[in-house]
Protein backbone atom coordinates (compact mmCIF):
# COMPACT_ATOMS: atom_id res chain seq x y z
CA MET A 1 112.02 125.94 119.86
CA ASN A 2 115.83 126.46 118.74
CA ARG A 3 116.69 129.08 116.27
CA ALA A 4 116.83 126.48 113.29
CA ALA A 5 113.53 125.09 114.12
CA ALA A 6 112.14 128.80 114.49
CA ALA A 7 113.38 129.61 111.01
CA LEU A 8 112.08 126.57 109.52
CA ALA A 9 108.44 127.35 111.17
CA LEU A 10 108.61 130.78 109.81
CA ALA A 11 109.86 129.44 106.04
CA VAL A 12 107.05 126.98 106.06
CA ALA A 13 104.33 129.51 107.09
CA GLY A 14 105.65 132.00 104.28
CA LEU A 15 105.46 129.18 101.80
CA ALA A 16 101.91 128.12 102.85
CA ALA A 17 100.87 131.70 102.78
CA ALA A 18 102.21 132.27 99.03
CA ALA A 19 100.60 129.00 98.00
CA GLY A 20 97.27 129.86 99.16
CA ALA A 21 94.53 127.61 100.56
CA PRO A 22 94.80 123.70 99.60
CA ARG A 23 92.22 122.48 97.34
CA SER A 24 91.62 118.79 96.75
CA GLY A 25 91.99 117.49 93.13
CA ALA A 26 88.29 116.24 93.56
CA SER A 27 86.98 119.73 93.26
CA TYR A 28 88.23 120.02 89.74
CA LEU A 29 86.75 116.83 88.54
CA ALA A 30 83.58 116.74 86.24
CA PRO A 31 80.21 115.74 87.86
CA ASP A 32 80.40 112.23 86.65
CA LEU A 33 83.65 111.33 87.94
CA LYS A 34 83.56 112.92 91.14
CA ALA A 35 80.40 110.65 91.59
CA LEU A 36 82.26 107.61 90.71
CA GLN A 37 85.01 108.70 93.28
CA ASP A 38 82.38 109.08 96.15
CA ASP A 39 80.52 105.80 95.23
CA ASP A 40 81.67 103.09 97.48
CA PHE A 41 80.22 100.44 95.16
CA ARG A 42 81.27 101.94 91.80
CA ASN A 43 84.65 103.43 92.57
CA PRO A 44 87.09 101.13 90.54
CA GLY A 45 90.20 101.99 92.98
CA LEU A 46 88.31 99.90 95.73
CA LEU A 47 89.32 96.82 93.77
CA TRP A 48 92.94 97.61 94.98
CA VAL A 49 91.80 98.16 98.50
CA ASP A 50 89.88 94.78 98.65
CA GLN A 51 92.85 93.15 97.38
CA GLY A 52 94.95 94.77 99.84
CA ARG A 53 92.55 93.65 102.59
CA LYS A 54 93.27 89.78 101.43
CA LEU A 55 96.80 90.43 101.55
CA TRP A 56 96.78 92.37 104.66
CA SER A 57 95.12 88.93 106.49
CA GLY A 58 97.20 86.51 104.91
CA ALA A 59 100.70 85.65 105.43
CA PRO A 60 103.27 86.44 103.09
CA GLY A 61 105.01 82.97 103.39
CA PRO A 62 105.30 80.11 105.48
CA GLY A 63 105.92 80.61 109.17
CA ALA A 64 105.56 84.55 108.72
CA LYS A 65 103.00 86.52 110.27
CA ALA A 66 100.28 88.48 108.55
CA CYS A 67 100.09 92.21 108.89
CA ALA A 68 96.85 91.58 110.80
CA GLY A 69 98.86 89.27 113.20
CA CYS A 70 100.53 92.21 114.68
CA HIS A 71 98.32 95.26 113.69
CA ASP A 72 94.66 95.73 113.91
CA ALA A 73 93.30 97.62 110.60
CA VAL A 74 91.54 100.10 112.85
CA ALA A 75 95.02 100.91 114.48
CA MET A 76 96.09 102.14 110.93
CA ARG A 77 93.84 104.94 110.88
CA GLY A 78 95.72 108.21 110.77
CA VAL A 79 99.00 106.41 109.38
CA ALA A 80 98.58 107.51 105.76
CA ALA A 81 97.84 111.28 106.85
CA ARG A 82 101.31 111.30 108.41
CA TYR A 83 103.66 109.62 105.60
CA PRO A 84 106.23 110.33 104.22
CA ALA A 85 107.81 110.42 107.68
CA TYR A 86 111.47 110.10 109.09
CA ASP A 87 112.63 106.60 110.10
CA ARG A 88 115.07 106.51 112.55
CA ALA A 89 116.08 102.82 111.62
CA THR A 90 116.99 103.92 108.37
CA ARG A 91 118.04 107.49 109.12
CA ARG A 92 115.71 108.72 106.12
CA VAL A 93 112.41 109.83 105.26
CA VAL A 94 110.27 106.99 103.80
CA ASN A 95 106.93 106.87 102.31
CA LEU A 96 104.06 104.62 103.02
CA GLU A 97 105.09 101.98 100.25
CA GLN A 98 108.54 101.66 101.70
CA ARG A 99 107.26 101.38 105.26
CA ILE A 100 105.19 98.59 104.20
CA ASN A 101 108.35 96.88 102.65
CA LEU A 102 110.57 97.65 105.58
CA CYS A 103 107.64 95.76 107.84
CA ARG A 104 107.94 92.93 105.16
CA THR A 105 111.63 92.40 105.29
CA GLY A 106 112.27 93.22 108.92
CA ARG A 107 109.24 91.67 110.70
CA GLN A 108 108.00 89.16 108.41
CA HIS A 109 111.12 88.05 106.79
CA ALA A 110 109.64 88.29 103.30
CA PRO A 111 111.06 89.82 100.24
CA PRO A 112 110.09 93.26 99.55
CA LEU A 113 107.32 93.89 97.07
CA ALA A 114 108.36 95.56 93.70
CA TYR A 115 107.64 99.17 93.52
CA GLU A 116 104.26 99.79 91.35
CA SER A 117 103.43 96.05 91.76
CA ARG A 118 99.61 95.58 92.09
CA ASP A 119 100.29 93.96 95.51
CA LEU A 120 102.25 96.90 96.99
CA ILE A 121 99.67 99.46 95.42
CA SER A 122 96.81 97.10 97.05
CA LEU A 123 98.54 97.26 100.43
CA THR A 124 99.17 100.98 100.30
CA ALA A 125 95.67 101.67 99.05
CA PHE A 126 94.01 99.31 101.93
CA VAL A 127 96.11 101.07 104.66
CA SER A 128 95.52 104.57 102.96
CA ARG A 129 91.68 103.79 103.16
CA GLN A 130 91.75 103.51 106.88
CA SER A 131 92.69 107.04 107.21
CA LEU A 132 89.68 108.23 104.85
CA GLY A 133 88.39 111.71 105.84
CA MET A 134 91.30 112.45 108.27
CA PRO A 135 93.68 115.62 107.65
CA VAL A 136 97.02 115.04 106.09
CA GLN A 137 99.64 116.30 108.68
CA VAL A 138 103.22 115.54 107.62
CA THR A 139 106.36 116.51 109.87
CA VAL A 140 108.65 118.69 107.79
CA ASP A 141 110.92 119.93 110.66
CA GLY A 142 113.53 117.97 113.09
CA PRO A 143 115.28 114.95 111.15
CA ALA A 144 112.84 115.43 108.22
CA ARG A 145 113.86 119.06 107.37
CA ALA A 146 116.63 118.02 104.79
CA SER A 147 114.30 116.04 102.94
CA PHE A 148 111.46 118.86 102.91
CA GLU A 149 114.13 121.30 101.52
CA ARG A 150 115.20 118.90 99.04
CA GLY A 151 111.61 118.54 97.91
CA ARG A 152 110.66 121.96 97.94
CA ALA A 153 113.76 122.66 95.72
CA ALA A 154 112.84 120.00 93.45
CA TYR A 155 109.19 121.18 93.12
CA HIS A 156 110.44 124.75 91.85
CA GLN A 157 113.31 123.64 89.66
CA ARG A 158 112.49 123.94 85.75
CA ILE A 159 113.54 120.69 84.11
CA GLY A 160 113.13 119.13 80.73
CA GLN A 161 113.09 120.53 77.20
CA LEU A 162 109.86 122.36 78.04
CA ASP A 163 111.90 124.23 80.99
CA LEU A 164 109.11 124.02 83.49
CA ALA A 165 108.94 123.24 87.09
CA CYS A 166 105.86 121.50 88.93
CA ALA A 167 105.23 125.19 90.56
CA ASP A 168 104.91 126.35 86.97
CA CYS A 169 101.68 124.30 86.38
CA HIS A 170 100.38 123.70 90.02
CA GLU A 171 100.82 127.01 91.27
CA ARG A 172 101.38 129.89 88.71
CA SER A 173 98.97 127.99 86.15
CA GLU A 174 96.52 126.55 88.60
CA GLY A 175 92.84 126.93 87.25
CA ARG A 176 93.79 127.43 83.67
CA ARG A 177 93.03 125.14 81.23
CA LEU A 178 95.31 122.73 79.20
CA HIS A 179 94.06 120.20 76.59
CA GLY A 180 90.39 120.47 77.62
CA GLU A 181 91.39 119.98 81.37
CA THR A 182 91.61 122.24 84.36
CA ILE A 183 94.97 122.33 85.73
CA SER A 184 94.64 121.56 89.64
CA GLN A 185 96.94 122.19 92.53
CA GLY A 186 98.40 118.88 92.08
CA GLN A 187 97.65 117.41 95.57
CA ILE A 188 98.18 114.13 96.35
CA ASN A 189 95.78 113.41 99.19
CA GLY A 190 93.94 110.74 97.24
CA PHE A 191 96.74 108.40 96.31
CA PRO A 192 96.88 105.85 95.46
CA VAL A 193 94.69 106.90 92.90
CA TYR A 194 92.68 105.12 90.19
CA ARG A 195 93.52 106.97 86.73
CA GLN A 196 91.01 106.01 83.88
CA LEU A 197 94.05 106.75 81.23
CA TRP A 198 96.09 103.83 82.95
CA ASP A 199 93.15 101.68 83.59
CA GLY A 200 94.62 100.98 87.04
CA ALA A 201 95.53 102.37 90.38
CA ALA A 202 98.94 103.78 90.64
CA SER A 203 101.25 105.33 93.30
CA THR A 204 102.33 109.04 93.52
CA HIS A 205 105.79 108.33 91.90
CA ARG A 206 104.12 107.14 88.95
CA MET A 207 102.45 110.31 88.62
CA PHE A 208 105.79 112.29 89.30
CA ALA A 209 107.17 110.23 86.41
CA TRP A 210 104.38 110.89 83.92
CA CYS A 211 104.61 114.67 84.72
CA GLU A 212 108.52 114.78 84.00
CA THR A 213 107.88 112.64 81.02
CA ALA A 214 105.24 115.40 79.72
CA VAL A 215 107.78 118.22 80.08
CA ARG A 216 110.32 115.86 78.12
CA ALA A 217 112.80 115.47 81.01
CA GLN A 218 114.16 112.00 82.31
CA PRO A 219 111.84 110.62 84.95
CA ARG A 220 113.44 109.05 88.09
CA ALA A 221 112.86 105.90 89.45
CA PRO A 222 109.74 105.38 91.47
CA GLY A 223 110.77 104.68 94.94
CA SER A 224 113.87 106.69 94.66
CA GLN A 225 114.63 109.15 97.60
CA ASP A 226 114.29 112.33 95.18
CA TYR A 227 110.65 111.25 94.71
CA VAL A 228 110.37 110.62 98.43
CA ASP A 229 111.52 114.18 99.02
CA LEU A 230 109.49 115.56 96.46
CA GLU A 231 106.28 113.61 97.87
CA LEU A 232 106.94 114.85 101.44
CA TYR A 233 107.04 118.40 100.07
CA VAL A 234 103.60 117.90 97.85
CA ARG A 235 101.98 115.99 101.09
CA TRP A 236 102.85 119.07 103.15
CA ARG A 237 101.30 121.56 100.31
CA GLY A 238 98.15 119.60 101.11
CA GLN A 239 98.19 119.79 104.84
CA GLY A 240 94.62 119.69 106.35
CA LEU A 241 92.94 118.15 103.24
CA PRO A 242 91.20 114.99 103.99
CA VAL A 243 92.63 111.42 102.92
CA GLU A 244 90.45 110.54 99.75
CA THR A 245 92.15 106.98 98.84
CA PRO A 246 91.31 105.88 96.20
CA ALA A 247 90.59 109.06 94.21
CA VAL A 248 89.58 108.59 90.61
CA ARG A 249 91.27 110.69 87.96
CA LYS A 250 90.89 110.63 84.13
């Protein structure tokens, strides 16, 4: 291990110690919502998983291969647990939604799916579901380091008219009450998540944008590199938590 890698490892260990043990958002849920998430027949997010299964098996256009034509769904087990990840072809960190679109454009010769579209959320939910119960384990060293550092800086940067950072709520105020709800650690091991407020499933980036709007800041575009960097850092905060896709939130 070179000096730079060793320094990063020490920094990561220090940050982990400061943040405390990761705790899934499911542990903050009221009993009825927790039961809904755990019920394979009632969890509404599974409608998106089922739609993703159909998209996975069908070709996106004439002459194109289906996802299933190259990948066995079983082989996808563990993939969601390690994304976002550095992509050598594009020389940047990409998240799972972007990885799916890179496969569509590069392998299936199909147009990319719009970020936050039902089809992209559904495919992401289906792929993520294959890693159900597996521990989140993203890589934050090597070529992913710069992205990780930018995400860490963004997480601790105060923004908006309320002058708040992600860390102000999800670290320093974790466990307190806000508008009748307990503030969680903001873990994302259950995304894509079905949220009752939105009456649908959504990506991590939609949640980031919602939080930024809540502190009266200008949200960034879903799929932006800023949000991918932040996603990598927040995923790292939840290292070891089991994948719970699709989680259910109020």
